């Protein structure tokens, strides 16, 4: 076997190794994307479950949530602060997930749930107050989407919601 033949065989081996590396990289990227989407979906479910569980098990929290929808204008400064902080907890994760959607990290199926949550959240006065506090930290695309989002009174008691522009 000549040196030239060894060189060509080595080149073929390098080419095959390169193709295997690209395939491996594609598998890793796909797996990472799946895990990221799964993690965001789990966080969404955890956030919603926390809200409903707390509403079911904590009378004071349930009463406060109800008052947010009916008595927001009569709240004193402490109650407004408390309501706004609860709104920030709700809204921050929604806007972060909306950012991920615009970055292509959230599927259309997952986005339907996110949008539903955002529609409900936008109808709550404490979330509107939280948005005024948080909005400068998000891109114009996210802000425009939230600003154009239609609310629904059917979701007023739900903690979160959104739509795509």
Protein backbone atom coordinates (compact mmCIF):
# COMPACT_ATOMS: atom_id res chain seq x y z
CA UNK A 1 0.00 0.00 0.00
CA UNK A 2 1.44 3.33 -1.03
CA UNK A 3 1.55 6.44 1.07
CA UNK A 4 -0.98 8.04 -1.25
CA UNK A 5 -3.48 5.19 -0.66
CA UNK A 6 -3.03 5.51 3.11
CA UNK A 7 -3.69 9.25 2.76
CA UNK A 8 -6.96 8.63 0.83
CA UNK A 9 -8.13 6.01 3.33
CA UNK A 10 -7.37 8.45 6.15
CA UNK A 11 -9.38 11.15 4.37
CA UNK A 12 -12.34 8.77 4.04
CA UNK A 13 -12.08 7.97 7.76
CA UNK A 14 -11.99 11.69 8.62
CA UNK A 15 -15.05 12.31 6.42
CA UNK A 16 -17.00 9.50 8.08
CA UNK A 17 -15.96 10.76 11.53
CA UNK A 18 -17.09 14.28 10.60
CA UNK A 19 -20.51 13.04 9.44
CA UNK A 20 -20.91 11.01 12.64
CA UNK A 21 -20.04 14.13 14.68
CA UNK A 22 -22.66 16.21 12.84
CA UNK A 23 -25.32 13.52 13.42
CA UNK A 24 -24.38 13.32 17.09
CA UNK A 25 -24.56 17.11 17.39
CA UNK A 26 -28.01 17.18 15.74
CA UNK A 27 -29.27 14.52 18.17
CA UNK A 28 -27.91 16.51 21.13
CA UNK A 29 -29.52 19.76 19.93
CA UNK A 30 -32.84 18.02 19.42
CA UNK A 31 -32.67 16.43 22.87
CA UNK A 32 -31.74 19.77 24.46
CA UNK A 33 -34.66 21.50 22.72
CA UNK A 34 -37.03 18.81 23.97
CA UNK A 35 -35.74 19.15 27.53
CA UNK A 36 -36.05 22.94 27.42
CA UNK A 37 -39.63 22.75 26.19
CA UNK A 38 -40.47 20.11 28.78
CA UNK A 39 -38.94 22.23 31.52
CA UNK A 40 -40.98 25.30 30.51
CA UNK A 41 -44.15 23.22 30.32
CA UNK A 42 -43.42 21.79 33.77
CA UNK A 43 -42.87 25.29 35.16
CA UNK A 44 -46.14 26.47 33.60
CA UNK A 45 -47.99 23.54 35.15
CA UNK A 46 -46.28 24.09 38.53
CA UNK A 47 -47.21 27.80 38.51
CA UNK A 48 -50.85 27.09 37.72
CA UNK A 49 -51.03 24.20 40.18
CA UNK A 50 -49.55 26.42 42.92
CA UNK A 51 -52.22 29.03 42.30
CA UNK A 52 -55.13 26.59 42.34
CA UNK A 53 -53.80 24.58 45.29
CA UNK A 54 -53.21 27.73 47.32
CA UNK A 55 -56.67 29.01 46.38
CA UNK A 56 -58.19 25.74 47.60
CA UNK A 57 -56.24 25.41 50.83
CA UNK A 58 -55.70 28.98 52.01
CA UNK A 59 -58.85 30.93 52.85
CA UNK A 60 -57.01 34.23 53.27
CA UNK A 61 -55.32 33.90 49.88
CA UNK A 62 -58.59 32.92 48.18
CA UNK A 63 -60.34 35.91 49.75
CA UNK A 64 -57.52 38.24 48.72
CA UNK A 65 -57.61 36.91 45.13
CA UNK A 66 -61.34 37.51 44.99
CA UNK A 67 -60.93 41.03 46.34
CA UNK A 68 -58.32 41.85 43.68
CA UNK A 69 -61.01 41.54 41.01
CA UNK A 70 -63.73 43.41 42.87
CA UNK A 71 -62.04 45.90 45.23
CA UNK A 72 -58.72 46.84 43.60
CA UNK A 73 -59.58 50.55 43.56
CA UNK A 74 -60.33 50.48 47.30
CA UNK A 75 -57.11 48.69 48.28
CA UNK A 76 -54.75 50.53 50.60
CA UNK A 77 -51.07 50.87 49.71
CA UNK A 78 -50.08 47.67 51.49
CA UNK A 79 -52.76 45.60 49.75
CA UNK A 80 -51.87 47.11 46.35
CA UNK A 81 -48.20 46.31 46.95
CA UNK A 82 -49.07 42.75 47.91
CA UNK A 83 -51.35 42.38 44.88
CA UNK A 84 -48.76 43.86 42.53
CA UNK A 85 -46.05 41.51 43.83
CA UNK A 86 -48.40 38.58 43.25
CA UNK A 87 -49.01 39.96 39.76
CA UNK A 88 -45.26 40.16 39.14
CA UNK A 89 -44.90 36.52 40.18
CA UNK A 90 -47.59 35.59 37.70
CA UNK A 91 -46.55 37.84 34.84
CA UNK A 92 -42.78 37.41 34.85
CA UNK A 93 -42.95 33.72 34.00
CA UNK A 94 -45.56 34.39 31.30
CA UNK A 95 -43.47 37.09 29.62
CA UNK A 96 -40.34 34.95 29.86
CA UNK A 97 -42.17 32.11 28.17
CA UNK A 98 -43.51 34.51 25.53
CA UNK A 99 -39.92 35.60 24.85
CA UNK A 100 -38.97 31.94 24.48
CA UNK A 101 -41.85 31.49 22.03
CA UNK A 102 -40.59 34.34 19.88
CA UNK A 103 -37.13 32.74 20.02
CA UNK A 104 -38.62 29.49 18.65
CA UNK A 105 -38.28 27.56 21.90
CA UNK A 106 -42.00 27.02 22.51
CA UNK A 107 -44.15 24.95 20.14
CA UNK A 108 -47.50 26.09 18.76
CA UNK A 109 -49.30 23.55 20.96
CA UNK A 110 -47.58 24.86 24.09
CA UNK A 111 -48.25 28.41 22.96
CA UNK A 112 -52.02 27.79 22.93
CA UNK A 113 -51.89 27.08 26.67
CA UNK A 114 -49.59 30.05 27.25
CA UNK A 115 -51.93 32.36 25.33
CA UNK A 116 -54.93 31.13 27.33
CA UNK A 117 -53.04 31.88 30.55
CA UNK A 118 -52.00 35.34 29.33
CA UNK A 119 -55.55 36.29 28.33
CA UNK A 120 -56.77 35.47 31.82
CA UNK A 121 -53.91 37.24 33.52
CA UNK A 122 -54.22 40.44 31.52
CA UNK A 123 -57.77 40.87 32.79
CA UNK A 124 -56.61 41.13 36.41
CA UNK A 125 -55.86 44.59 37.83
CA UNK A 126 -52.84 43.39 39.82
CA UNK A 127 -51.27 41.93 36.68
CA UNK A 128 -51.87 45.19 34.81
CA UNK A 129 -50.04 47.01 37.63
CA UNK A 130 -47.25 44.42 37.50
CA UNK A 131 -46.91 44.91 33.74
CA UNK A 132 -46.25 48.61 34.19
CA UNK A 133 -43.44 47.68 36.55
CA UNK A 134 -41.96 44.89 34.37
CA UNK A 135 -42.50 45.95 30.77
CA UNK A 136 -39.25 47.86 30.25
CA UNK A 137 -37.32 44.64 30.88
CA UNK A 138 -38.81 42.99 27.79
CA UNK A 139 -38.36 43.48 24.06
CA UNK A 140 -40.62 45.69 21.96
CA UNK A 141 -42.00 42.54 20.33
CA UNK A 142 -43.11 41.14 23.70
CA UNK A 143 -44.50 44.51 24.79
CA UNK A 144 -46.44 44.96 21.54
CA UNK A 145 -47.85 41.45 21.79
CA UNK A 146 -49.00 42.01 25.38
CA UNK A 147 -50.43 45.46 24.55
CA UNK A 148 -52.41 44.03 21.60
CA UNK A 149 -53.65 41.02 23.56
CA UNK A 150 -57.40 40.94 24.00
CA UNK A 151 -58.68 40.04 27.44
CA UNK A 152 -61.63 37.89 28.31
CA UNK A 153 -63.83 38.27 31.34
CA UNK A 154 -64.29 34.50 31.32
CA UNK A 155 -60.75 34.13 32.64
CA UNK A 156 -60.74 36.87 35.27
CA UNK A 157 -60.23 34.41 38.12
CA UNK A 158 -57.37 32.58 36.35
CA UNK A 159 -53.84 33.75 37.25
CA UNK A 160 -52.26 33.91 33.76
CA UNK A 161 -52.70 34.12 29.86
CA UNK A 162 -51.27 35.23 26.21
CA UNK A 163 -51.45 35.48 22.33
CA UNK A 164 -49.03 35.58 19.38
CA UNK A 165 -48.56 38.61 17.13
